[in-house]
N, C-alpha and C. Protein backbone atom coordinates (compact mmCIF):
# COMPACT_ATOMS: atom_id res chain seq x y z
N MET A 1 121.41 100.11 64.35
CA MET A 1 120.94 99.24 65.48
C MET A 1 119.33 99.14 64.86
N LYS A 2 119.45 97.83 65.01
CA LYS A 2 117.60 97.03 64.43
C LYS A 2 116.63 97.34 65.76
N ASP A 3 116.83 97.54 66.76
CA ASP A 3 116.17 97.83 67.60
C ASP A 3 115.51 96.31 68.06
N LEU A 4 115.69 95.50 67.89
CA LEU A 4 114.83 94.28 67.78
C LEU A 4 114.47 93.95 69.46
N PHE A 5 114.98 94.05 70.28
CA PHE A 5 114.35 94.35 71.68
C PHE A 5 113.75 94.74 72.09
N GLY A 6 113.68 96.57 71.58
CA GLY A 6 112.08 97.47 71.52
C GLY A 6 111.40 96.82 70.61
N LYS A 7 111.63 96.42 69.77
CA LYS A 7 111.02 95.55 68.85
C LYS A 7 109.84 94.44 69.63
N ALA A 8 110.53 93.42 70.01
CA ALA A 8 109.57 92.52 71.20
C ALA A 8 108.94 93.16 72.35
N ILE A 9 109.64 94.18 72.77
CA ILE A 9 108.64 95.10 74.30
C ILE A 9 107.32 95.57 73.33
N LEU A 10 107.82 96.29 72.28
CA LEU A 10 106.56 97.22 71.78
C LEU A 10 105.64 96.30 71.27
N ASP A 11 105.77 94.88 70.48
CA ASP A 11 104.85 93.96 70.18
C ASP A 11 104.16 93.09 71.15
N PHE A 12 104.98 92.40 72.28
CA PHE A 12 104.33 92.43 73.74
C PHE A 12 103.35 93.18 74.20
N GLN A 13 103.25 94.88 74.05
CA GLN A 13 102.33 95.45 74.65
C GLN A 13 101.15 95.98 73.68
N THR A 14 101.49 95.71 72.48
CA THR A 14 99.93 95.94 71.37
C THR A 14 99.64 94.49 70.80
N ASN A 15 100.09 93.36 71.98
CA ASN A 15 99.67 92.53 71.11
C ASN A 15 99.90 91.77 69.88
N ASN A 16 100.78 92.12 69.21
CA ASN A 16 101.20 92.10 67.93
C ASN A 16 102.00 90.66 67.61
N SER A 17 101.66 89.68 67.47
CA SER A 17 102.13 88.65 67.14
C SER A 17 103.41 88.30 68.23
N ARG A 18 103.21 88.45 69.19
CA ARG A 18 104.06 87.99 70.06
C ARG A 18 105.04 86.74 70.23
N GLU A 19 106.23 86.94 70.13
CA GLU A 19 107.48 85.80 70.11
C GLU A 19 108.38 86.20 71.62
N ALA A 20 108.97 84.81 71.57
CA ALA A 20 110.32 84.88 72.44
C ALA A 20 111.50 85.98 71.84
N ILE A 21 112.26 86.52 72.60
CA ILE A 21 113.55 86.61 71.75
C ILE A 21 114.56 85.77 72.49
N VAL A 22 115.71 85.54 71.58
CA VAL A 22 116.53 84.62 71.08
C VAL A 22 117.82 85.31 72.19
N THR A 23 118.27 84.81 72.55
CA THR A 23 119.73 85.58 73.12
C THR A 23 120.94 84.36 72.99
N GLU A 24 121.93 84.92 72.76
CA GLU A 24 123.23 84.34 72.51
C GLU A 24 124.20 84.59 73.45
N THR A 25 125.10 84.13 74.22
CA THR A 25 126.27 84.61 74.38
C THR A 25 127.92 84.11 74.04
N THR A 26 129.07 84.68 74.26
CA THR A 26 130.40 84.12 74.33
C THR A 26 130.61 83.07 74.71
N ILE A 27 129.95 83.07 75.73
CA ILE A 27 129.80 81.68 76.80
C ILE A 27 128.66 81.04 77.47
N SER A 28 127.64 81.25 75.97
CA SER A 28 126.38 80.36 76.39
C SER A 28 125.58 80.12 75.44
N GLU A 29 124.63 79.17 75.10
CA GLU A 29 124.07 78.86 74.01
C GLU A 29 122.76 79.65 73.31
N ALA A 30 122.08 79.44 72.84
CA ALA A 30 120.88 80.36 72.05
C ALA A 30 120.17 79.60 73.74
N ASP A 31 119.40 80.94 74.17
CA ASP A 31 118.39 80.94 74.39
C ASP A 31 116.93 81.76 74.58
N ASP A 32 115.93 80.71 74.80
CA ASP A 32 114.64 81.81 74.70
C ASP A 32 114.54 82.72 76.05
N MET A 33 114.06 83.98 75.89
CA MET A 33 113.50 84.63 76.74
C MET A 33 112.42 85.09 76.60
N ASP A 34 111.15 84.74 77.71
CA ASP A 34 110.06 85.38 77.85
C ASP A 34 109.96 86.95 77.74
N VAL A 35 108.93 87.51 76.29
CA VAL A 35 109.43 89.18 76.79
C VAL A 35 108.37 89.36 78.24
N GLY A 36 107.49 88.29 78.38
CA GLY A 36 106.14 89.01 79.35
C GLY A 36 107.15 89.00 80.84
N TYR A 37 108.44 88.78 80.68
CA TYR A 37 109.09 88.81 81.72
C TYR A 37 109.47 90.13 82.17
N LEU A 38 109.50 90.89 81.17
CA LEU A 38 109.71 92.37 81.36
C LEU A 38 108.65 93.22 81.92
N PHE A 39 107.96 92.58 81.93
CA PHE A 39 106.54 93.27 82.37
C PHE A 39 105.44 93.10 83.61
N ARG A 40 106.71 92.51 84.27
CA ARG A 40 106.23 91.88 85.80
C ARG A 40 105.78 93.36 86.63
N SER A 41 105.15 92.70 87.53
CA SER A 41 105.01 93.63 88.83
C SER A 41 105.67 93.30 89.58
N TYR A 42 105.86 94.43 90.70
CA TYR A 42 106.21 94.22 91.56
C TYR A 42 106.28 93.21 92.88
N ASN A 43 105.44 92.26 92.51
CA ASN A 43 105.16 91.35 93.61
C ASN A 43 106.08 89.85 92.79
N GLU A 44 105.82 90.34 91.23
CA GLU A 44 106.80 89.59 90.38
C GLU A 44 108.10 89.41 90.41
N MET A 45 108.48 90.77 91.04
CA MET A 45 110.24 90.95 90.96
C MET A 45 111.03 90.07 91.76
N PRO A 46 112.55 89.84 91.49
CA PRO A 46 113.51 89.43 92.29
C PRO A 46 113.72 90.38 93.50
N LYS A 47 114.20 89.70 94.80
CA LYS A 47 114.27 90.40 95.51
C LYS A 47 115.38 91.78 95.24
N LEU A 48 116.00 91.56 94.62
CA LEU A 48 117.28 92.50 94.83
C LEU A 48 116.21 93.64 94.12
N GLU A 49 115.49 93.47 93.16
CA GLU A 49 115.42 94.90 92.43
C GLU A 49 113.87 95.70 93.17
N LYS A 50 113.49 94.70 94.32
CA LYS A 50 112.49 95.39 95.21
C LYS A 50 112.97 96.07 96.15
N LYS A 51 114.33 95.40 96.62
CA LYS A 51 115.34 96.18 97.69
C LYS A 51 115.79 97.73 97.21
N ALA A 52 116.00 97.63 95.85
CA ALA A 52 116.44 98.98 94.89
C ALA A 52 115.00 99.67 94.86
N LEU A 53 114.18 99.57 94.65
CA LEU A 53 112.87 100.31 94.65
C LEU A 53 112.62 100.78 96.08
N GLN A 54 112.49 99.75 97.20
CA GLN A 54 112.34 100.47 98.39
C GLN A 54 113.37 101.53 99.04
N LEU A 55 114.58 100.77 98.47
CA LEU A 55 115.81 102.58 98.96
C LEU A 55 115.55 103.66 97.85
N ALA A 56 114.86 103.50 96.59
CA ALA A 56 114.65 104.70 95.74
C ALA A 56 113.85 105.88 96.97
N LYS A 57 114.91 106.92 96.58
CA LYS A 57 113.86 108.53 97.01
C LYS A 57 114.15 109.63 96.00
N GLY A 58 113.24 110.61 96.38
CA GLY A 58 113.73 111.60 96.09
C GLY A 58 113.03 111.77 94.29
N LYS A 59 114.14 112.49 93.12
CA LYS A 59 113.94 112.86 91.69
C LYS A 59 114.83 111.54 91.06
N ILE A 60 114.18 110.99 90.50
CA ILE A 60 114.67 109.41 90.12
C ILE A 60 114.93 109.39 88.78
N LEU A 61 116.03 108.54 88.17
CA LEU A 61 116.69 108.35 87.15
C LEU A 61 116.77 106.95 86.56
N ASP A 62 115.92 106.01 86.10
CA ASP A 62 115.80 104.63 85.35
C ASP A 62 116.51 104.81 84.28
N VAL A 63 118.16 104.20 84.28
CA VAL A 63 118.67 103.95 83.39
C VAL A 63 118.38 102.42 82.40
N GLY A 64 118.18 102.40 81.19
CA GLY A 64 118.27 101.29 80.49
C GLY A 64 116.69 100.82 80.74
N CYS A 65 115.48 101.54 81.10
CA CYS A 65 114.31 101.43 81.60
C CYS A 65 113.79 99.96 80.77
N GLY A 66 113.68 99.51 79.68
CA GLY A 66 113.06 98.44 79.05
C GLY A 66 111.85 98.68 79.17
N ALA A 67 111.03 98.19 79.27
CA ALA A 67 109.58 98.26 79.23
C ALA A 67 108.48 98.87 80.42
N GLY A 68 109.77 99.50 81.48
CA GLY A 68 109.30 100.58 82.23
C GLY A 68 108.51 100.02 83.76
N SER A 69 109.00 98.85 83.79
CA SER A 69 108.53 98.19 85.02
C SER A 69 108.46 98.99 86.61
N HIS A 70 110.05 98.97 86.75
CA HIS A 70 110.86 99.96 87.73
C HIS A 70 110.02 101.06 87.98
N ALA A 71 110.05 101.99 86.58
CA ALA A 71 109.65 103.51 86.60
C ALA A 71 108.32 103.58 87.32
N LEU A 72 107.58 102.64 86.32
CA LEU A 72 106.06 102.39 86.80
C LEU A 72 105.80 102.44 88.36
N TYR A 73 106.47 101.60 88.53
CA TYR A 73 105.78 100.81 90.28
C TYR A 73 106.73 102.44 90.75
N LEU A 74 107.29 103.04 90.65
CA LEU A 74 107.75 104.38 91.52
C LEU A 74 107.10 105.31 91.08
N GLN A 75 106.28 105.69 90.16
CA GLN A 75 105.62 106.70 89.63
C GLN A 75 104.35 106.62 90.42
N GLU A 76 103.79 105.38 90.24
CA GLU A 76 102.66 105.07 91.26
C GLU A 76 102.55 104.73 92.54
N LYS A 77 104.25 105.00 93.17
CA LYS A 77 104.14 105.84 93.99
C LYS A 77 104.00 106.94 94.99
N GLY A 78 104.09 107.98 93.50
CA GLY A 78 103.94 109.37 93.86
C GLY A 78 105.66 110.06 93.49
N PHE A 79 106.72 109.00 92.95
CA PHE A 79 107.57 109.67 92.96
C PHE A 79 107.95 110.34 91.71
N GLU A 80 108.66 111.39 91.32
CA GLU A 80 109.16 111.87 90.07
C GLU A 80 110.31 111.12 89.27
N VAL A 81 109.75 110.18 88.13
CA VAL A 81 110.72 109.67 87.82
C VAL A 81 110.92 109.83 86.23
N THR A 82 112.30 109.99 85.80
CA THR A 82 112.55 109.88 84.29
C THR A 82 113.31 108.61 83.98
N ALA A 83 112.64 108.12 82.48
CA ALA A 83 112.96 106.78 82.45
C ALA A 83 113.84 106.68 81.13
N ILE A 84 115.11 106.16 80.87
CA ILE A 84 115.29 106.52 79.50
C ILE A 84 115.86 105.28 78.98
N ASP A 85 116.06 104.91 77.82
CA ASP A 85 116.25 103.95 77.34
C ASP A 85 117.09 104.20 75.92
N ILE A 86 117.82 103.51 75.36
CA ILE A 86 118.43 103.67 73.58
C ILE A 86 117.30 103.19 72.46
N SER A 87 116.68 102.82 73.37
CA SER A 87 115.51 101.84 72.28
C SER A 87 114.34 102.88 72.36
N ALA A 88 114.24 103.22 70.95
CA ALA A 88 112.70 103.96 70.35
C ALA A 88 111.39 103.13 70.82
N ASN A 89 111.88 102.13 70.48
CA ASN A 89 110.38 101.20 70.49
C ASN A 89 110.20 100.89 71.69
N ALA A 90 111.23 100.67 72.96
CA ALA A 90 110.99 100.39 74.26
C ALA A 90 110.49 101.56 74.84
N ILE A 91 110.63 102.66 74.30
CA ILE A 91 110.26 104.05 75.11
C ILE A 91 108.83 104.34 74.54
N LYS A 92 108.28 103.87 73.25
CA LYS A 92 106.91 103.66 72.82
C LYS A 92 106.18 103.08 73.97
N ALA A 93 106.63 101.77 74.17
CA ALA A 93 105.79 100.94 74.94
C ALA A 93 105.48 101.92 76.55
N CYS A 94 106.97 101.94 76.89
CA CYS A 94 106.64 103.17 78.20
C CYS A 94 105.36 103.98 78.19
N LYS A 95 105.20 104.80 76.71
CA LYS A 95 104.37 105.57 76.96
C LYS A 95 103.07 104.98 76.92
N LEU A 96 102.85 103.84 76.41
CA LEU A 96 101.54 103.30 76.05
C LEU A 96 101.31 102.74 77.65
N ARG A 97 102.19 102.56 78.10
CA ARG A 97 102.03 101.74 79.58
C ARG A 97 101.87 103.18 80.95
N GLY A 98 101.85 104.32 80.50
CA GLY A 98 101.46 105.14 81.49
C GLY A 98 102.67 106.21 81.63
N LEU A 99 103.87 105.58 81.13
CA LEU A 99 104.78 106.39 82.01
C LEU A 99 104.82 108.05 81.58
N LYS A 100 105.05 108.91 82.58
CA LYS A 100 104.89 110.42 81.81
C LYS A 100 106.18 110.90 81.62
N ASP A 101 107.59 110.51 81.95
CA ASP A 101 108.51 111.31 81.19
C ASP A 101 109.19 109.92 80.87
N ALA A 102 109.70 108.94 79.78
CA ALA A 102 109.89 108.38 79.17
C ALA A 102 110.51 108.89 78.13
N LYS A 103 111.96 108.51 77.87
CA LYS A 103 112.56 109.05 76.75
C LYS A 103 113.66 108.61 75.97
N VAL A 104 114.24 108.47 74.48
CA VAL A 104 115.04 107.68 73.75
C VAL A 104 116.45 108.99 74.16
N GLN A 105 117.14 107.94 74.79
CA GLN A 105 118.45 109.00 75.37
C GLN A 105 119.90 107.89 75.89
N ASN A 106 120.68 108.37 75.70
CA ASN A 106 121.75 107.70 76.08
C ASN A 106 122.19 108.49 77.08
N LEU A 107 122.44 107.56 78.02
CA LEU A 107 122.89 108.15 79.52
C LEU A 107 123.88 108.89 79.17
N LEU A 108 125.15 109.30 78.56
CA LEU A 108 126.00 109.54 78.67
C LEU A 108 125.69 111.22 77.72
N ASP A 109 124.73 111.22 77.12
CA ASP A 109 124.20 112.22 76.78
C ASP A 109 123.55 113.44 77.41
N ILE A 110 123.09 112.99 78.69
CA ILE A 110 122.80 113.55 79.50
C ILE A 110 123.38 114.84 79.82
N GLU A 111 122.72 116.25 80.02
CA GLU A 111 123.05 117.29 80.41
C GLU A 111 122.31 118.17 81.56
N ASN A 112 122.92 118.61 82.13
CA ASN A 112 122.37 119.98 83.34
C ASN A 112 121.35 119.42 83.72
N LYS A 113 121.43 117.93 84.32
CA LYS A 113 120.15 117.54 84.62
C LYS A 113 120.86 116.61 86.13
N LYS A 114 120.31 116.45 87.45
CA LYS A 114 120.53 115.80 88.58
C LYS A 114 119.53 115.38 89.28
N PHE A 115 119.89 114.34 89.88
CA PHE A 115 118.67 113.28 90.49
C PHE A 115 119.02 112.93 92.01
N ASP A 116 118.35 112.31 92.78
CA ASP A 116 118.56 111.88 94.04
C ASP A 116 118.92 110.69 94.30
N THR A 117 118.24 109.90 93.42
CA THR A 117 118.48 107.87 92.78
C THR A 117 118.65 107.40 91.17
N ILE A 118 119.53 107.26 91.42
CA ILE A 118 119.44 106.81 89.55
C ILE A 118 119.51 105.48 89.77
N LEU A 119 118.58 104.23 88.76
CA LEU A 119 118.75 103.38 89.16
C LEU A 119 119.23 102.69 87.60
N LEU A 120 120.18 101.36 88.46
CA LEU A 120 120.54 100.55 87.14
C LEU A 120 120.40 99.40 87.53
N LEU A 121 118.98 98.44 86.84
CA LEU A 121 118.97 97.21 87.32
C LEU A 121 118.85 96.29 86.09
N MET A 122 118.94 95.39 86.48
CA MET A 122 118.75 94.05 85.66
C MET A 122 120.20 93.75 85.02
N ASN A 123 121.09 93.83 85.72
CA ASN A 123 122.68 94.30 85.37
C ASN A 123 122.49 95.52 85.01
N GLY A 124 122.66 95.75 85.70
CA GLY A 124 122.75 97.56 85.61
C GLY A 124 124.22 97.77 84.74
N THR A 125 125.26 97.13 85.22
CA THR A 125 126.53 97.51 84.81
C THR A 125 126.86 97.09 83.48
N GLY A 126 125.74 96.46 82.77
CA GLY A 126 125.75 96.04 81.35
C GLY A 126 126.07 96.74 80.12
N ILE A 127 125.77 98.13 80.70
CA ILE A 127 125.70 99.63 79.53
C ILE A 127 127.20 99.85 79.56
N PHE A 128 127.68 99.43 80.79
CA PHE A 128 129.21 100.34 80.66
C PHE A 128 130.21 99.58 79.29
N GLY A 129 129.75 98.26 79.08
CA GLY A 129 130.33 97.35 78.06
C GLY A 129 131.28 96.81 78.23
N THR A 130 132.64 97.32 78.31
CA THR A 130 133.77 96.79 79.09
C THR A 130 134.12 97.30 80.22
N LEU A 131 135.27 96.72 80.70
CA LEU A 131 135.52 97.27 81.86
C LEU A 131 136.44 98.46 81.66
N ALA A 132 137.30 98.91 80.49
CA ALA A 132 138.11 99.71 80.26
C ALA A 132 136.72 100.91 80.22
N GLU A 133 135.52 100.86 79.82
CA GLU A 133 134.59 102.13 79.70
C GLU A 133 133.89 101.92 80.91
N THR A 134 134.62 101.39 82.29
CA THR A 134 133.63 101.89 83.38
C THR A 134 133.99 103.20 84.01
N SER A 135 134.75 103.72 84.13
CA SER A 135 135.16 105.00 84.49
C SER A 135 134.50 105.64 84.10
N LYS A 136 134.87 105.98 82.40
CA LYS A 136 133.62 106.94 82.09
C LYS A 136 132.18 106.54 82.24
N TYR A 137 131.58 106.18 82.16
CA TYR A 137 130.01 105.52 82.86
C TYR A 137 129.90 106.28 84.21
N LEU A 138 131.07 105.94 85.39
CA LEU A 138 130.94 106.32 86.70
C LEU A 138 131.01 107.77 87.03
N GLN A 139 131.90 108.26 85.69
CA GLN A 139 132.44 109.72 86.10
C GLN A 139 130.84 110.40 85.85
N LYS A 140 130.26 110.02 84.89
CA LYS A 140 129.31 110.91 84.05
C LYS A 140 127.98 110.47 85.04
N LEU A 141 127.85 109.23 85.79
CA LEU A 141 126.98 109.27 86.69
C LEU A 141 126.95 109.96 88.08
N GLN A 142 128.60 110.04 88.27
CA GLN A 142 128.62 111.49 89.11
C GLN A 142 128.45 112.86 89.62
N SER A 143 128.70 112.84 87.97
CA SER A 143 128.10 114.12 87.86
C SER A 143 126.44 114.31 87.39
N LEU A 144 125.88 113.67 87.58
CA LEU A 144 124.13 113.44 87.65
C LEU A 144 124.05 113.85 88.94
N LEU A 145 124.45 113.11 90.04
CA LEU A 145 124.11 113.22 91.46
C LEU A 145 123.60 114.44 92.07
N ASN A 146 123.04 114.74 92.85
CA ASN A 146 122.55 115.79 93.52
C ASN A 146 123.48 115.70 95.01
N PRO A 147 123.70 116.39 95.70
CA PRO A 147 124.61 116.21 97.01
C PRO A 147 123.58 115.09 97.80
N GLY A 148 123.84 114.24 98.17
CA GLY A 148 123.35 113.05 99.28
C GLY A 148 122.58 112.33 98.56
N GLY A 149 123.05 112.54 96.77
CA GLY A 149 122.24 111.21 95.67
C GLY A 149 122.60 109.75 96.43
N GLN A 150 122.56 108.62 95.43
CA GLN A 150 122.58 107.41 95.31
C GLN A 150 122.50 106.91 93.88
N ILE A 151 123.51 105.91 93.58
CA ILE A 151 123.30 104.84 92.58
C ILE A 151 122.90 103.59 92.97
N LEU A 152 121.76 103.46 92.63
CA LEU A 152 121.36 101.53 92.70
C LEU A 152 121.80 101.00 91.99
N ILE A 153 122.66 99.82 91.67
CA ILE A 153 123.04 98.95 90.44
C ILE A 153 123.28 97.86 90.92
N ASP A 154 122.79 96.90 89.99
CA ASP A 154 122.97 95.43 90.35
C ASP A 154 123.77 94.81 89.55
N SER A 155 124.67 93.52 89.51
CA SER A 155 125.22 92.72 88.08
C SER A 155 124.98 91.31 88.86
N SER A 156 126.41 90.47 88.74
CA SER A 156 126.75 89.41 88.60
C SER A 156 127.61 88.85 88.74
N ASP A 157 128.31 87.98 89.32
CA ASP A 157 129.68 87.63 89.51
C ASP A 157 129.53 86.31 88.26
N ILE A 158 129.91 86.45 87.31
CA ILE A 158 129.28 85.11 86.31
C ILE A 158 130.44 84.15 86.22
N ILE A 159 131.73 84.26 86.80
CA ILE A 159 133.20 83.19 87.36
C ILE A 159 132.21 81.66 87.19
N TYR A 160 131.47 81.14 87.86
CA TYR A 160 130.45 79.98 87.99
C TYR A 160 130.28 79.63 86.67
N MET A 161 130.09 79.95 85.52
CA MET A 161 129.55 79.70 84.12
C MET A 161 130.76 79.21 83.30
N PHE A 162 131.79 79.24 84.11
CA PHE A 162 133.08 78.78 83.74
C PHE A 162 133.62 77.11 84.26
N ASP A 163 134.65 76.78 83.36
CA ASP A 163 134.32 75.38 83.92
C ASP A 163 135.81 75.33 85.14
N GLN A 164 135.88 74.50 85.53
CA GLN A 164 136.77 74.66 87.05
C GLN A 164 137.97 73.40 86.87
N ALA A 165 138.64 73.13 86.98
CA ALA A 165 139.98 72.53 87.07
C ALA A 165 139.70 71.50 88.25
N GLU A 166 141.08 70.70 88.53
CA GLU A 166 141.15 69.70 89.28
C GLU A 166 141.32 70.25 90.83
N ASP A 167 142.09 71.74 90.68
CA ASP A 167 142.10 72.16 91.87
C ASP A 167 141.32 73.29 92.27
N ASN A 168 139.99 73.01 91.23
CA ASN A 168 138.61 73.85 91.77
C ASN A 168 138.69 75.27 91.38
N SER A 169 140.03 75.79 91.04
CA SER A 169 140.48 76.97 89.76
C SER A 169 139.49 77.05 89.06
N TYR A 170 139.11 78.86 88.37
CA TYR A 170 138.09 78.79 87.04
C TYR A 170 139.15 78.38 85.74
N LEU A 171 138.57 78.01 84.96
CA LEU A 171 139.35 78.12 83.75
C LEU A 171 138.85 79.43 82.80
N ILE A 172 139.40 80.53 83.45
CA ILE A 172 138.81 81.55 82.58
C ILE A 172 139.78 82.06 81.66
N PRO A 173 139.15 83.33 80.64
CA PRO A 173 140.34 83.35 79.61
C PRO A 173 141.44 84.09 80.04
N ALA A 174 142.57 83.66 79.41
CA ALA A 174 143.51 84.94 79.89
C ALA A 174 143.99 85.95 79.83
N ASN A 175 143.33 86.37 78.64
CA ASN A 175 143.01 87.82 78.05
C ASN A 175 141.95 88.53 78.19
N GLY A 176 141.51 89.63 79.07
CA GLY A 176 140.38 90.34 79.56
C GLY A 176 140.26 90.11 80.52
N TYR A 177 139.00 90.47 80.91
CA TYR A 177 138.37 90.35 81.98
C TYR A 177 137.15 89.44 81.71
N TYR A 178 136.64 88.40 82.71
CA TYR A 178 135.95 87.20 82.11
C TYR A 178 134.15 87.77 81.99
N GLY A 179 134.27 88.86 82.95
CA GLY A 179 132.60 89.53 82.96
C GLY A 179 132.40 90.02 81.58
N GLU A 180 133.28 90.71 80.52
CA GLU A 180 133.13 91.04 79.54
C GLU A 180 132.23 89.78 78.28
N LEU A 181 131.62 90.02 78.00
CA LEU A 181 130.44 88.87 77.11
C LEU A 181 130.21 89.63 75.60
N THR A 182 129.72 89.04 74.68
CA THR A 182 129.19 89.57 73.76
C THR A 182 127.94 88.79 73.69
N PHE A 183 127.10 89.80 73.31
CA PHE A 183 125.25 89.38 73.15
C PHE A 183 124.77 89.18 71.85
N THR A 184 124.13 88.82 71.21
CA THR A 184 123.89 88.46 69.98
C THR A 184 122.16 88.40 70.24
N ILE A 185 121.04 88.67 69.93
CA ILE A 185 119.98 88.74 69.77
C ILE A 185 119.19 88.53 68.69
N SER A 186 118.38 87.79 68.67
CA SER A 186 117.32 87.54 67.79
C SER A 186 115.99 87.33 67.96
N TYR A 187 115.15 87.93 66.94
CA TYR A 187 113.52 88.22 67.15
C TYR A 187 113.06 87.71 65.90
N LYS A 188 112.09 87.42 65.64
CA LYS A 188 111.19 87.22 64.50
C LYS A 188 111.81 87.06 63.33
N ASN A 189 113.17 86.17 63.55
CA ASN A 189 113.97 85.57 62.15
C ASN A 189 114.87 87.08 61.51
N GLN A 190 115.02 88.11 62.87
CA GLN A 190 116.17 88.74 62.44
C GLN A 190 116.98 88.79 63.38
N THR A 191 118.46 89.08 63.28
CA THR A 191 119.57 89.02 64.12
C THR A 191 119.94 90.57 64.42
N GLU A 192 120.07 91.18 65.32
CA GLU A 192 121.01 92.15 65.76
C GLU A 192 122.44 92.31 65.60
N GLU A 193 122.96 93.39 65.82
CA GLU A 193 124.20 93.10 65.16
C GLU A 193 125.00 92.78 66.92
N PRO A 194 125.75 92.13 67.00
CA PRO A 194 126.91 91.92 68.04
C PRO A 194 126.90 93.06 69.02
N PHE A 195 126.90 93.09 70.67
CA PHE A 195 127.13 93.97 71.00
C PHE A 195 127.55 93.82 72.42
N PRO A 196 128.39 94.27 72.99
CA PRO A 196 129.27 94.27 74.40
C PRO A 196 128.43 94.29 75.51
N TRP A 197 128.87 93.66 76.45
CA TRP A 197 127.90 93.64 77.81
C TRP A 197 128.63 93.09 79.15
N LEU A 198 128.59 93.93 80.43
CA LEU A 198 129.43 93.60 80.87
C LEU A 198 128.83 93.19 82.32
N TYR A 199 128.96 92.31 82.95
CA TYR A 199 128.76 91.44 84.34
C TYR A 199 130.24 91.98 85.27
N LEU A 200 130.01 92.67 86.49
CA LEU A 200 130.91 92.57 87.09
C LEU A 200 130.65 92.01 88.41
N ASP A 201 131.40 91.27 89.06
CA ASP A 201 131.64 90.92 90.23
C ASP A 201 132.06 92.09 91.56
N TYR A 202 131.36 91.79 92.33
CA TYR A 202 131.58 92.91 93.67
C TYR A 202 132.80 93.77 93.61
N ASN A 203 133.55 92.86 94.10
CA ASN A 203 134.81 93.05 94.03
C ASN A 203 135.71 93.97 93.19
N THR A 204 135.18 94.10 91.95
CA THR A 204 135.68 94.98 90.70
C THR A 204 135.10 96.04 90.96
N LEU A 205 133.82 96.11 90.90
CA LEU A 205 132.94 97.10 90.73
C LEU A 205 133.66 98.18 92.05
N GLN A 206 133.77 97.58 93.31
CA GLN A 206 133.98 98.35 94.20
C GLN A 206 135.27 99.11 94.11
N ASN A 207 136.38 98.41 93.39
CA ASN A 207 137.59 99.02 93.26
C ASN A 207 137.57 100.08 92.30
N ALA A 208 136.68 100.04 90.94
CA ALA A 208 136.11 101.15 90.20
C ALA A 208 135.96 102.36 90.66
N ALA A 209 134.45 101.74 91.79
CA ALA A 209 133.98 102.61 92.30
C ALA A 209 134.74 104.09 93.00
N HIS A 210 135.68 103.10 94.14
CA HIS A 210 136.62 103.83 94.93
C HIS A 210 137.88 104.89 94.06
N ALA A 211 138.21 104.22 92.39
CA ALA A 211 139.06 104.97 92.15
C ALA A 211 138.24 106.15 91.37
N ASN A 212 136.32 106.24 91.62
CA ASN A 212 136.38 106.85 90.74
C ASN A 212 135.66 108.31 91.66
N GLY A 213 135.63 107.84 93.10
CA GLY A 213 135.35 108.81 93.83
C GLY A 213 134.17 108.51 95.08
N PHE A 214 133.88 107.32 94.84
CA PHE A 214 132.45 106.91 95.36
C PHE A 214 132.69 105.60 96.36
N GLU A 215 131.84 106.58 97.67
CA GLU A 215 131.53 105.20 98.53
C GLU A 215 130.68 103.78 97.95
N ILE A 216 130.84 102.87 98.46
CA ILE A 216 129.83 101.51 98.04
C ILE A 216 129.63 100.61 99.05
N GLU A 217 128.51 100.09 98.57
CA GLU A 217 127.96 99.67 100.07
C GLU A 217 127.24 98.40 99.20
N LEU A 218 127.87 97.04 100.22
CA LEU A 218 126.72 96.11 99.01
C LEU A 218 125.81 95.97 99.89
N VAL A 219 124.32 96.08 99.37
CA VAL A 219 123.29 96.05 99.72
C VAL A 219 122.79 94.46 100.29
N GLN A 220 122.42 94.18 99.10
CA GLN A 220 122.41 92.86 99.08
C GLN A 220 122.60 91.66 98.28
N GLU A 221 122.25 90.41 98.64
CA GLU A 221 122.99 89.14 97.60
C GLU A 221 121.98 88.45 97.21
N GLY A 222 121.82 88.01 96.03
CA GLY A 222 120.58 87.13 95.53
C GLY A 222 121.38 85.73 95.72
N LYS A 223 120.71 84.97 95.43
CA LYS A 223 120.72 83.51 94.98
C LYS A 223 121.71 83.00 93.63
N HIS A 224 121.90 83.81 93.09
CA HIS A 224 122.45 83.18 92.08
C HIS A 224 123.44 84.34 91.40
N PHE A 225 124.91 84.31 92.90
CA PHE A 225 125.84 85.33 92.49
C PHE A 225 125.94 86.61 91.51
N ASP A 226 124.44 86.74 92.51
CA ASP A 226 123.70 88.39 91.87
C ASP A 226 124.05 89.28 93.51
N TYR A 227 124.20 90.65 93.36
CA TYR A 227 124.12 91.71 94.16
C TYR A 227 123.42 92.79 93.89
N LEU A 228 123.15 93.60 94.50
CA LEU A 228 122.72 94.93 94.69
C LEU A 228 123.53 95.76 95.42
N ALA A 229 124.21 96.92 94.65
CA ALA A 229 125.18 97.49 95.28
C ALA A 229 124.73 99.05 95.37
N LYS A 230 124.74 99.99 96.66
CA LYS A 230 124.56 101.80 96.47
C LYS A 230 126.14 102.58 96.48
N LEU A 231 126.05 103.30 95.71
CA LEU A 231 127.39 104.10 95.55
C LEU A 231 126.51 105.73 95.81
N THR A 232 127.46 106.27 96.70
CA THR A 232 127.23 107.44 97.21
C THR A 232 128.50 108.22 97.07
N LEU A 233 128.59 109.47 97.18
CA LEU A 233 129.41 110.55 97.21
C LEU A 233 130.10 110.89 98.64
């Protein structure tokens, strides 16, 4: 991994020749992403993210923390927050921003830790990669929850991105789940190796949650087929 996403975050934080990230997926053309969006304040966040931060309680784990904006807000509110990301450059930026407990770590590698709230935001289901891997991640998340703990996770039903037939049905691929995408990221004339990224519609997440021993609640829906869910044991 070239860690281009993290490099863009660190360049923005250190004001080092900032440039946009270019993202492309199997169902969408190349598009510029303003890295500054990852550094937004609480007031600039979408309502689903605000709601998740309002519901956060106890000892908190922020998974895939990126530039650390969610964790920083909660830290400023007095919570004990651990922020993790697989990007070493992103974690460097988080520490420069003042996050006290930020570390380079894969969720699946965490051992002997328990949390009251686990956050997976900005399409938190993405790190699952594929539908087939979802149960493995949910079981790991379950093992990290304290009694009475909660997982707050968001995603989107991206079926709207597919063409429709005359009968208004969607023309989705016959093989695999339509929310399984392959992402490619480019930054400063370099391109990252393509990686899998998963968008889950709520019903599919609900089925996976129940199959892995969770109760699930649809907390809030956004304007663009997005939603925030809460998983509890």
